[in-house]
Each structure stands twice: as structure tokens, then as C-alpha cells.
Amino acid sequence: MIDFPKVLMIIGGILLVVGFFLQFIGKLPGDIVFKKGNTTVFFPIVTCIVVSIILSFVFSFFGRFK
């Protein structure tokens, strides 16, 4: 059985890293923002591409250990 405190520490570390990188979401060049009056429409095109590439590398890396 896996030690529960160790699992909690790993999950906490992962959440810390993810939270750090989420600060930059929406600030990449290429993300489209329309503001008119009280309405704001946000299209994070470049952010979605970057997240997709990163997740592809992560999943392919962990897929090799199967």
C-alpha cells in the first residue's frame, strides 16, 4: 500500500506547480480579447495550443512506463 502522506505531498507539489503556471494563462501574445462596455469575450487560442503541446509531451512520457 502506498503511504497516504507521501501521496498528499506529491499532489500538493503538483498543484503548486500547476498554480504557478496558471498565472500566465491569458497573457500570451496571440490570445484574443474583445472588450466592449461591460462585456468581455476572451479566446485563449495560443494558450490552448501551448497547454496541448505540454500535455502531449507529459502523456507520451508517462505512457512509455506502461
N, C-alpha and C. Protein backbone atom coordinates (compact mmCIF):
# COMPACT_ATOMS: atom_id res chain seq x y z
N MET A 1 0.84 -1.18 0.00
CA MET A 1 0.00 0.00 0.00
C MET A 1 0.88 1.25 0.00
N ILE A 2 0.46 2.25 -0.72
CA ILE A 2 1.22 3.50 -0.82
C ILE A 2 0.95 4.34 0.43
N ASP A 3 2.00 4.99 0.92
CA ASP A 3 1.83 5.84 2.09
C ASP A 3 0.98 7.06 1.75
N PHE A 4 -0.09 7.25 2.49
CA PHE A 4 -1.02 8.34 2.23
C PHE A 4 -0.37 9.71 2.36
N PRO A 5 0.46 9.99 3.37
CA PRO A 5 1.10 11.31 3.46
C PRO A 5 2.00 11.61 2.27
N LYS A 6 2.66 10.59 1.75
CA LYS A 6 3.53 10.79 0.58
C LYS A 6 2.69 11.18 -0.64
N VAL A 7 1.55 10.53 -0.80
CA VAL A 7 0.66 10.84 -1.92
C VAL A 7 0.14 12.27 -1.79
N LEU A 8 -0.24 12.67 -0.59
CA LEU A 8 -0.72 14.04 -0.38
C LEU A 8 0.37 15.07 -0.68
N MET A 9 1.61 14.77 -0.32
CA MET A 9 2.70 15.70 -0.61
C MET A 9 2.95 15.81 -2.12
N ILE A 10 2.87 14.71 -2.82
CA ILE A 10 3.05 14.74 -4.27
C ILE A 10 1.93 15.52 -4.95
N ILE A 11 0.69 15.28 -4.54
CA ILE A 11 -0.45 16.01 -5.10
C ILE A 11 -0.32 17.50 -4.80
N GLY A 12 0.09 17.85 -3.59
CA GLY A 12 0.29 19.25 -3.23
C GLY A 12 1.37 19.91 -4.07
N GLY A 13 2.47 19.19 -4.32
CA GLY A 13 3.53 19.73 -5.16
C GLY A 13 3.07 19.95 -6.59
N ILE A 14 2.30 19.01 -7.11
CA ILE A 14 1.77 19.14 -8.47
C ILE A 14 0.83 20.34 -8.55
N LEU A 15 -0.04 20.51 -7.56
CA LEU A 15 -0.96 21.65 -7.55
C LEU A 15 -0.21 22.98 -7.44
N LEU A 16 0.89 22.99 -6.69
CA LEU A 16 1.71 24.19 -6.56
C LEU A 16 2.31 24.59 -7.91
N VAL A 17 2.85 23.62 -8.62
CA VAL A 17 3.45 23.90 -9.92
C VAL A 17 2.40 24.33 -10.94
N VAL A 18 1.26 23.64 -10.95
CA VAL A 18 0.19 24.00 -11.87
C VAL A 18 -0.34 25.40 -11.57
N GLY A 19 -0.50 25.72 -10.30
CA GLY A 19 -0.95 27.06 -9.92
C GLY A 19 0.02 28.15 -10.34
N PHE A 20 1.32 27.85 -10.26
CA PHE A 20 2.32 28.83 -10.69
C PHE A 20 2.19 29.11 -12.18
N PHE A 21 2.01 28.05 -12.98
CA PHE A 21 1.92 28.25 -14.43
C PHE A 21 0.57 28.83 -14.85
N LEU A 22 -0.47 28.67 -14.05
CA LEU A 22 -1.77 29.24 -14.39
C LEU A 22 -1.80 30.76 -14.26
N GLN A 23 -0.81 31.34 -13.61
CA GLN A 23 -0.74 32.79 -13.51
C GLN A 23 -0.55 33.41 -14.89
N PHE A 24 0.09 32.68 -15.80
CA PHE A 24 0.41 33.23 -17.11
C PHE A 24 -0.66 32.97 -18.14
N ILE A 25 -1.70 32.23 -17.77
CA ILE A 25 -2.77 31.93 -18.71
C ILE A 25 -3.49 33.23 -19.07
N GLY A 26 -3.67 33.46 -20.34
CA GLY A 26 -4.37 34.64 -20.80
C GLY A 26 -3.47 35.82 -21.06
N LYS A 27 -2.19 35.67 -20.81
CA LYS A 27 -1.27 36.78 -21.02
C LYS A 27 -0.32 36.50 -22.18
N LEU A 28 -0.56 35.43 -22.90
CA LEU A 28 0.31 35.10 -24.01
C LEU A 28 -0.06 35.93 -25.24
N PRO A 29 0.95 36.31 -26.04
CA PRO A 29 0.63 37.00 -27.28
C PRO A 29 -0.11 36.05 -28.23
N GLY A 30 -1.14 36.52 -28.84
CA GLY A 30 -1.95 35.68 -29.72
C GLY A 30 -3.30 35.34 -29.12
N ASP A 31 -3.46 35.52 -27.81
CA ASP A 31 -4.77 35.35 -27.19
C ASP A 31 -5.62 36.57 -27.54
N ILE A 32 -6.85 36.33 -27.92
CA ILE A 32 -7.72 37.39 -28.41
C ILE A 32 -8.69 37.82 -27.31
N VAL A 33 -8.76 39.13 -27.08
CA VAL A 33 -9.68 39.68 -26.07
C VAL A 33 -10.48 40.80 -26.71
N PHE A 34 -11.81 40.69 -26.65
CA PHE A 34 -12.69 41.75 -27.11
C PHE A 34 -13.36 42.38 -25.90
N LYS A 35 -13.23 43.70 -25.76
CA LYS A 35 -13.89 44.41 -24.67
C LYS A 35 -14.78 45.49 -25.26
N LYS A 36 -16.05 45.47 -24.85
CA LYS A 36 -16.98 46.49 -25.30
C LYS A 36 -17.99 46.73 -24.19
N GLY A 37 -17.88 47.86 -23.56
CA GLY A 37 -18.78 48.18 -22.46
C GLY A 37 -18.49 47.28 -21.27
N ASN A 38 -19.54 46.64 -20.78
CA ASN A 38 -19.41 45.73 -19.64
C ASN A 38 -19.15 44.29 -20.06
N THR A 39 -18.98 44.05 -21.35
CA THR A 39 -18.82 42.70 -21.86
C THR A 39 -17.38 42.45 -22.30
N THR A 40 -16.84 41.34 -21.88
CA THR A 40 -15.50 40.92 -22.30
C THR A 40 -15.58 39.50 -22.82
N VAL A 41 -15.05 39.28 -24.03
CA VAL A 41 -15.01 37.96 -24.64
C VAL A 41 -13.54 37.60 -24.83
N PHE A 42 -13.15 36.42 -24.35
CA PHE A 42 -11.75 36.01 -24.34
C PHE A 42 -11.59 34.70 -25.10
N PHE A 43 -10.69 34.67 -26.08
CA PHE A 43 -10.38 33.47 -26.86
C PHE A 43 -8.90 33.13 -26.64
N PRO A 44 -8.60 32.18 -25.75
CA PRO A 44 -7.19 31.85 -25.46
C PRO A 44 -6.62 30.84 -26.46
N ILE A 45 -6.47 31.27 -27.71
CA ILE A 45 -6.04 30.36 -28.77
C ILE A 45 -4.62 29.86 -28.54
N VAL A 46 -3.67 30.76 -28.35
CA VAL A 46 -2.26 30.37 -28.17
C VAL A 46 -2.09 29.60 -26.86
N THR A 47 -2.81 30.00 -25.82
CA THR A 47 -2.73 29.29 -24.54
C THR A 47 -3.18 27.84 -24.70
N CYS A 48 -4.25 27.61 -25.45
CA CYS A 48 -4.74 26.25 -25.67
C CYS A 48 -3.72 25.42 -26.44
N ILE A 49 -3.05 26.03 -27.42
CA ILE A 49 -2.04 25.31 -28.19
C ILE A 49 -0.86 24.93 -27.29
N VAL A 50 -0.40 25.86 -26.46
CA VAL A 50 0.73 25.59 -25.57
C VAL A 50 0.38 24.51 -24.57
N VAL A 51 -0.79 24.58 -23.97
CA VAL A 51 -1.22 23.56 -22.99
C VAL A 51 -1.34 22.20 -23.67
N SER A 52 -1.85 22.17 -24.89
CA SER A 52 -1.97 20.92 -25.63
C SER A 52 -0.61 20.29 -25.91
N ILE A 53 0.36 21.09 -26.30
CA ILE A 53 1.70 20.57 -26.57
C ILE A 53 2.33 20.03 -25.29
N ILE A 54 2.20 20.77 -24.20
CA ILE A 54 2.79 20.33 -22.92
C ILE A 54 2.14 19.03 -22.45
N LEU A 55 0.82 18.94 -22.52
CA LEU A 55 0.14 17.71 -22.10
C LEU A 55 0.49 16.53 -23.00
N SER A 56 0.69 16.78 -24.29
CA SER A 56 1.09 15.70 -25.20
C SER A 56 2.44 15.13 -24.79
N PHE A 57 3.40 16.01 -24.45
CA PHE A 57 4.71 15.54 -24.00
C PHE A 57 4.61 14.78 -22.68
N VAL A 58 3.82 15.30 -21.75
CA VAL A 58 3.69 14.65 -20.44
C VAL A 58 3.06 13.27 -20.59
N PHE A 59 1.97 13.17 -21.35
CA PHE A 59 1.29 11.88 -21.51
C PHE A 59 2.15 10.88 -22.28
N SER A 60 2.89 11.35 -23.28
CA SER A 60 3.76 10.42 -24.02
C SER A 60 4.91 9.95 -23.13
N PHE A 61 5.40 10.82 -22.25
CA PHE A 61 6.47 10.44 -21.32
C PHE A 61 5.98 9.38 -20.34
N PHE A 62 4.83 9.60 -19.73
CA PHE A 62 4.29 8.63 -18.79
C PHE A 62 3.76 7.38 -19.48
N GLY A 63 3.40 7.47 -20.75
CA GLY A 63 2.92 6.31 -21.49
C GLY A 63 4.01 5.30 -21.78
N ARG A 64 5.26 5.73 -21.74
CA ARG A 64 6.38 4.83 -22.01
C ARG A 64 6.64 3.88 -20.85
N PHE A 65 6.18 4.22 -19.66
CA PHE A 65 6.42 3.40 -18.48
C PHE A 65 5.32 2.36 -18.26
N LYS A 66 4.46 2.20 -19.20
CA LYS A 66 3.34 1.29 -19.06
C LYS A 66 3.75 -0.14 -19.03
